[in-house]
Structure formats: C-alpha cells, structure tokens
Amino acid sequence: MKKILFVCDGDNFPSGAFEFIRLLRQQEPVWVKGFFFNPIDFQQLVSISYMPVSEPYVKLKEKEKRVVSASRDQFVDLCQTNNIKYHADKNVWEWDRESFVRETRFADLVVLGDQLFCSGMLREQPNYFMQEALHAAECPVMIVPEKFSSFERMVVAYDGKRESVFALKQFCYLFPKFTDLPTEFVFVKEDSTNEVPDVDLLKEYSCLHFNSLNVSKLHFDAKKHFSTWMAEKKNALLMSGSFSRSTLSNTIRKSFSDTVIRDLKIPVFIAHHP
C-alpha cells in the first residue's frame, strides 16, 4: 500500500489531484494523508499592517482556519465516498518548508494541483512556492491539472543523466500498471546528429518495464520549443527529472518543465535524485 501526501492550501482544493488519487485507488489500495495549510493574502496583510489594533489580523486568521477546515472536510468526504484510507490532521499549519520536507521523507508520492497551489499568493505557475515544494520534496511529485480524467500515453524526457533515469525508475516502481501505455522516450538537443546517450542501456532497461516504447531525438532548443511539441501529444503524461537545482536557480533559469506546467494542462511526474 502506497502512502500519498495530498497537499492543499486554504480553499484551493485541487479536484484534479484528488481525481488522480481516485484513479490510483481503482488499481490498488492507497493511504492518503492530507497536508493542509493556511494561505497568505498579501493584500490583506498590507492593509492590516497599518491598523493600530490586532483585531483585523485576528479576524483574518479566523477566516483562514475556516477555509482550511472546509477543504479538510471536503477531503474527508471524498475519501470516505471512494473507500480510500486516509488521515486528515486537524491542526491548521502555516506553510513551513521543513514540515513539508519531513512529510515527504516518509511518503511514496506527493500530489499537487498545477493551477491552484498557492495561487492566492502568486498566480503564474510554477510559482515560487511550487518551485520550492518541487525542489524540497524527498519523494516523487505528481502535478495534476484541474480537469484531469486520465491519460493514454507517456512521454519521458531523457537526457542520459542520473536525474532522468532516476525519475524513470521511480515511475516504474510506483506505477507498474501504467507501463502498459504507449511510451515515448525523447532526447532533445539542438545539433545535427541522431545520437542518444547510452541508448542501448536505456532500451535494455525500458524493454523490461514497458510494453510499447519508442526512443527518438528532437533537434531543437527544449526550453523554447518542447511545450509546443508536447501540445501535439494528446492525453499524455510527462515524466521528468527536473527541479534538482535550487529554487533561486529555477527562478533565474527556467527549464522546459516550467514551460510545460505553465502552458499545458497535463499531468507531470517529477522526481529528482536526493
């Protein structure tokens, strides 16, 4: 039985993320822990900072507790309805990176919503808080769009380095039943050769896990054109080893995974080597 961490801030309940968990439950039993925390409303904090008394701040905190409790109740109802084993902590937390890291250390998978996560603070995704979560997580993360139902094929972003191979292994360990789907391994490099690093070893390993696979090389700049290429792959899931760099580095130098998360509403599986 897998332990899954379901993450929700305030009333930004990620329905697509829960739908993905429900899909997993149809395949095997799972145990889901709800990780709920308070959002931060910067505009309200700015306005109350000029108040001479603490009452507005107290009211804001009470409102945050109410919306978090509503999301927790929704999570409990859905788990009970779908016969999913769960735990929903009744404490209301502020976003705390260290608590999140500890939770992920003892989890098999984190599931996040791609559009709503901390969107009340920064709307464009992946925002700073999502980047921090993806970088800090000590287990794989599945980012799921709000209108998720399922997927029919998979694309593996392969670069021959340990991060992409580690992500591939983690996916196989976690989701062996998804490996029946058609899978395309793509190596992207803007040059004139057709060489793919360690392609024989890649095929040797992958043929043992996937029923239908293809390995190809794409000749363009991944950060500029990969999301456009992915947009043509209907009902696909992207598997990537991204976000091993620091949050600051990711902010300065965007990766192709950032672009896919921002522009395409598809599930993205991310696992980086610890």
Protein backbone atom coordinates (compact mmCIF):
# COMPACT_ATOMS: atom_id res chain seq x y z
CA MET A 1 0.00 0.00 0.00
CA LYS A 2 1.41 3.37 -1.03
CA LYS A 3 1.45 6.44 1.22
CA ILE A 4 0.40 9.54 -0.71
CA LEU A 5 0.65 13.13 0.52
CA PHE A 6 -2.25 15.28 -0.70
CA VAL A 7 -1.33 18.97 -0.41
CA CYS A 8 -3.88 21.79 -0.24
CA ASP A 9 -3.64 25.45 0.78
CA GLY A 10 -6.71 27.25 2.09
CA ASP A 11 -9.75 26.78 -0.12
CA ASN A 12 -7.65 25.96 -3.20
CA PHE A 13 -8.86 22.36 -3.16
CA PRO A 14 -7.18 20.59 -6.12
CA SER A 15 -10.00 18.46 -7.53
CA GLY A 16 -7.84 17.13 -10.37
CA ALA A 17 -5.19 15.98 -7.90
CA PHE A 18 -7.79 14.06 -5.92
CA GLU A 19 -9.15 12.57 -9.16
CA PHE A 20 -5.67 11.18 -9.83
CA ILE A 21 -5.67 9.58 -6.37
CA ARG A 22 -9.08 8.10 -7.11
CA LEU A 23 -7.65 6.62 -10.32
CA LEU A 24 -4.84 5.01 -8.32
CA ARG A 25 -7.34 3.61 -5.83
CA GLN A 26 -9.11 1.80 -8.68
CA GLN A 27 -5.87 -0.09 -9.29
CA GLU A 28 -4.76 -0.83 -5.73
CA PRO A 29 -5.29 0.24 -2.10
CA VAL A 30 -3.66 3.53 -1.09
CA TRP A 31 -3.32 5.51 2.15
CA VAL A 32 -3.61 9.27 1.75
CA LYS A 33 -2.51 11.91 4.24
CA GLY A 34 -3.96 15.37 3.86
CA PHE A 35 -1.44 18.18 4.33
CA PHE A 36 -3.47 21.38 4.77
CA PHE A 37 -2.04 24.80 5.47
CA ASN A 38 -3.07 28.45 5.64
CA PRO A 39 -2.80 30.66 2.58
CA ILE A 40 -1.29 34.13 2.86
CA ASP A 41 -3.26 37.05 1.49
CA PHE A 42 -0.60 39.69 0.85
CA GLN A 43 -3.13 42.45 0.11
CA GLN A 44 -4.95 41.90 3.38
CA LEU A 45 -1.69 41.71 5.30
CA VAL A 46 -0.62 45.04 3.82
CA SER A 47 -3.91 46.67 4.80
CA ILE A 48 -3.89 45.35 8.37
CA SER A 49 -0.27 46.34 8.89
CA TYR A 50 -1.43 49.94 9.20
CA MET A 51 -4.05 49.12 11.84
CA PRO A 52 -3.27 50.20 15.44
CA VAL A 53 -5.07 47.17 16.91
CA SER A 54 -4.79 43.45 16.33
CA GLU A 55 -8.48 42.71 15.69
CA PRO A 56 -8.30 42.76 11.84
CA TYR A 57 -5.37 40.32 11.93
CA VAL A 58 -7.24 38.04 14.33
CA LYS A 59 -10.28 38.05 12.02
CA LEU A 60 -8.07 37.20 9.06
CA LYS A 61 -6.58 34.23 10.90
CA GLU A 62 -10.04 33.01 11.91
CA LYS A 63 -11.17 33.21 8.27
CA GLU A 64 -8.13 31.21 7.16
CA LYS A 65 -8.89 28.49 9.70
CA ARG A 66 -12.47 28.25 8.42
CA VAL A 67 -11.46 27.84 4.76
CA VAL A 68 -8.80 25.26 5.65
CA SER A 69 -11.36 23.32 7.70
CA ALA A 70 -13.77 23.37 4.74
CA SER A 71 -11.09 21.91 2.46
CA ARG A 72 -10.27 19.26 5.04
CA ASP A 73 -13.95 18.30 5.33
CA GLN A 74 -14.17 18.01 1.53
CA PHE A 75 -11.10 15.75 1.55
CA VAL A 76 -12.59 13.51 4.25
CA ASP A 77 -15.93 13.22 2.44
CA LEU A 78 -14.25 12.27 -0.85
CA CYS A 79 -12.01 9.70 0.81
CA GLN A 80 -14.96 8.07 2.56
CA THR A 81 -17.07 8.10 -0.59
CA ASN A 82 -14.30 6.44 -2.62
CA ASN A 83 -13.28 3.93 0.07
CA ILE A 84 -9.80 5.46 0.43
CA LYS A 85 -7.90 5.06 3.69
CA TYR A 86 -6.84 8.49 4.91
CA HIS A 87 -5.61 10.75 7.69
CA ALA A 88 -6.55 14.42 7.95
CA ASP A 89 -4.65 16.34 10.62
CA LYS A 90 -6.95 18.75 12.45
CA ASN A 91 -4.16 21.22 13.12
CA VAL A 92 -4.00 24.29 10.87
CA TRP A 93 -0.45 25.00 9.75
CA GLU A 94 1.29 27.88 8.11
CA TRP A 95 3.34 26.93 5.06
CA ASP A 96 6.54 25.53 6.52
CA ARG A 97 9.22 24.11 4.23
CA GLU A 98 10.78 21.92 6.91
CA SER A 99 7.47 20.30 7.86
CA PHE A 100 6.80 19.61 4.19
CA VAL A 101 10.26 18.06 3.79
CA ARG A 102 9.70 15.74 6.78
CA GLU A 103 6.33 14.65 5.46
CA THR A 104 7.72 13.87 2.00
CA ARG A 105 10.64 11.95 3.52
CA PHE A 106 8.14 9.40 4.79
CA ALA A 107 5.85 9.33 1.75
CA ASP A 108 5.89 7.49 -1.57
CA LEU A 109 4.34 10.30 -3.59
CA VAL A 110 3.18 13.92 -3.31
CA VAL A 111 0.19 15.03 -5.38
CA LEU A 112 -0.22 18.76 -6.18
CA GLY A 113 -2.69 20.74 -8.25
CA ASP A 114 -0.95 22.50 -11.13
CA GLN A 115 -3.11 25.65 -11.22
CA LEU A 116 -4.24 26.28 -7.66
CA PHE A 117 -1.20 25.63 -5.47
CA CYS A 118 -0.59 28.86 -3.51
CA SER A 119 -2.29 30.74 -6.35
CA GLY A 120 -3.64 33.29 -3.89
CA MET A 121 -0.05 34.43 -3.36
CA LEU A 122 1.43 34.11 -6.85
CA ARG A 123 -0.82 33.08 -9.72
CA GLU A 124 1.62 32.21 -12.51
CA GLN A 125 2.69 28.60 -12.23
CA PRO A 126 5.04 27.17 -11.32
CA ASN A 127 5.17 29.98 -8.78
CA TYR A 128 7.89 30.38 -6.16
CA PHE A 129 6.08 28.16 -3.66
CA MET A 130 5.54 25.32 -6.13
CA GLN A 131 9.19 25.53 -7.17
CA GLU A 132 10.20 25.38 -3.53
CA ALA A 133 7.96 22.35 -2.95
CA LEU A 134 9.27 20.55 -6.04
CA HIS A 135 12.87 21.23 -5.08
CA ALA A 136 12.44 20.31 -1.41
CA ALA A 137 10.35 17.15 -1.82
CA GLU A 138 12.20 13.99 -0.82
CA CYS A 139 9.85 11.76 -2.79
CA PRO A 140 8.43 11.96 -6.32
CA VAL A 141 5.75 14.55 -7.11
CA MET A 142 2.79 14.29 -9.46
CA ILE A 143 1.44 17.64 -10.66
CA VAL A 144 -2.13 17.26 -11.89
CA PRO A 145 -4.36 19.67 -13.88
CA GLU A 146 -7.78 20.60 -12.55
CA LYS A 147 -9.66 18.94 -15.43
CA PHE A 148 -7.85 15.64 -15.12
CA SER A 149 -9.64 12.42 -16.01
CA SER A 150 -6.92 10.06 -17.22
CA PHE A 151 -4.07 9.78 -19.73
CA GLU A 152 -3.47 7.48 -22.67
CA ARG A 153 0.27 7.78 -23.35
CA MET A 154 3.50 8.84 -21.68
CA VAL A 155 6.47 10.95 -22.71
CA VAL A 156 9.78 10.51 -20.90
CA ALA A 157 12.17 13.48 -21.03
CA TYR A 158 15.51 11.67 -21.20
CA ASP A 159 18.94 13.34 -21.19
CA GLY A 160 21.18 10.39 -20.29
CA LYS A 161 21.93 11.79 -16.84
CA ARG A 162 21.09 10.27 -13.49
CA GLU A 163 18.14 12.60 -12.81
CA SER A 164 16.10 11.44 -15.79
CA VAL A 165 16.93 7.77 -15.21
CA PHE A 166 16.11 8.10 -11.51
CA ALA A 167 12.70 9.58 -12.41
CA LEU A 168 12.12 6.72 -14.84
CA LYS A 169 12.88 4.11 -12.16
CA GLN A 170 10.70 5.82 -9.58
CA PHE A 171 7.78 5.88 -12.00
CA CYS A 172 8.18 2.18 -12.75
CA TYR A 173 8.29 1.32 -9.05
CA LEU A 174 5.27 3.45 -8.20
CA PHE A 175 3.01 2.82 -11.20
CA PRO A 176 3.76 -0.56 -12.78
CA LYS A 177 0.26 -0.75 -14.28
CA PHE A 178 0.75 2.49 -16.22
CA THR A 179 3.71 0.97 -18.07
CA ASP A 180 1.26 -0.82 -20.35
CA LEU A 181 0.59 2.52 -22.05
CA PRO A 182 2.46 3.62 -25.21
CA THR A 183 5.63 5.42 -24.09
CA GLU A 184 7.98 7.71 -26.00
CA PHE A 185 11.49 8.49 -24.76
CA VAL A 186 12.75 11.77 -26.15
CA PHE A 187 16.27 13.18 -26.07
CA VAL A 188 16.32 16.85 -27.04
CA LYS A 189 19.47 18.52 -28.31
CA GLU A 190 19.89 21.16 -30.98
CA ASP A 191 22.56 19.56 -33.17
CA SER A 192 22.81 17.58 -36.40
CA THR A 193 23.46 14.08 -35.03
CA ASN A 194 20.99 11.36 -34.11
CA GLU A 195 23.00 10.11 -31.14
CA VAL A 196 21.15 9.38 -27.89
CA PRO A 197 23.32 8.82 -24.77
CA ASP A 198 23.50 5.18 -23.65
CA VAL A 199 20.58 4.31 -25.89
CA ASP A 200 21.34 0.56 -25.78
CA LEU A 201 21.25 0.52 -21.97
CA LEU A 202 18.11 2.64 -21.98
CA LYS A 203 16.33 0.21 -24.29
CA GLU A 204 17.64 -2.79 -22.35
CA TYR A 205 16.16 -1.45 -19.11
CA SER A 206 12.97 0.00 -20.56
CA CYS A 207 12.01 -3.09 -22.54
CA LEU A 208 11.77 -4.96 -19.24
CA HIS A 209 9.23 -2.49 -17.86
CA PHE A 210 7.26 -1.03 -20.79
CA ASN A 211 5.12 -2.97 -23.25
CA SER A 212 5.27 -0.38 -26.04
CA LEU A 213 8.06 2.17 -26.34
CA ASN A 214 9.90 4.32 -28.83
CA VAL A 215 13.15 6.29 -28.48
CA SER A 216 13.69 9.41 -30.57
CA LYS A 217 15.83 12.53 -30.73
CA LEU A 218 14.40 16.01 -31.18
CA HIS A 219 16.60 18.66 -32.81
CA PHE A 220 15.59 21.93 -31.16
CA ASP A 221 16.05 24.07 -28.07
CA ALA A 222 13.98 22.33 -25.38
CA LYS A 223 13.27 25.48 -23.34
CA LYS A 224 11.88 27.24 -26.43
CA HIS A 225 10.02 24.52 -28.27
CA PHE A 226 9.39 21.48 -26.07
CA SER A 227 6.00 22.63 -24.76
CA THR A 228 4.83 23.24 -28.36
CA TRP A 229 5.91 19.71 -29.30
CA MET A 230 4.20 18.29 -26.19
CA ALA A 231 0.98 20.10 -27.05
CA GLU A 232 0.60 17.78 -30.03
CA LYS A 233 0.66 14.72 -27.76
CA LYS A 234 -2.96 14.43 -26.76
CA ASN A 235 -3.86 12.93 -23.37
CA ALA A 236 -0.22 12.47 -22.41
CA LEU A 237 1.72 12.42 -19.15
CA LEU A 238 5.22 13.91 -18.98
CA MET A 239 7.90 12.23 -16.89
CA SER A 240 10.90 14.38 -15.92
CA GLY A 241 13.87 14.54 -13.57
CA SER A 242 13.71 18.34 -13.27
CA PHE A 243 13.92 20.69 -10.28
CA SER A 244 17.12 19.38 -8.74
CA ARG A 245 18.53 22.92 -8.82
CA SER A 246 17.88 25.43 -6.05
CA THR A 247 14.67 27.46 -6.05
CA LEU A 248 16.64 30.62 -6.84
CA SER A 249 18.35 28.89 -9.76
CA ASN A 250 15.00 27.69 -11.11
CA THR A 251 13.63 31.23 -10.82
CA ILE A 252 16.53 32.69 -12.79
CA ARG A 253 16.90 29.95 -15.40
CA LYS A 254 13.59 28.37 -16.37
CA SER A 255 13.55 24.75 -17.53
CA PHE A 256 11.32 23.18 -20.15
CA SER A 257 9.32 21.59 -17.30
CA ASP A 258 8.41 25.08 -16.07
CA THR A 259 7.06 25.89 -19.50
CA VAL A 260 5.02 22.67 -19.73
CA ILE A 261 3.50 23.26 -16.28
CA ARG A 262 2.67 26.86 -17.19
CA ASP A 263 1.34 26.35 -20.72
CA LEU A 264 -0.07 22.82 -20.87
CA LYS A 265 -2.72 21.31 -18.65
CA ILE A 266 -1.27 17.80 -18.48
CA PRO A 267 -0.06 15.63 -15.59
CA VAL A 268 3.68 15.96 -14.95
CA PHE A 269 5.66 13.42 -12.90
CA ILE A 270 8.84 14.84 -11.37
CA ALA A 271 11.48 13.03 -9.34
CA HIS A 272 14.98 14.29 -8.64
CA HIS A 273 17.83 12.32 -7.15
CA PRO A 274 18.21 13.11 -3.42
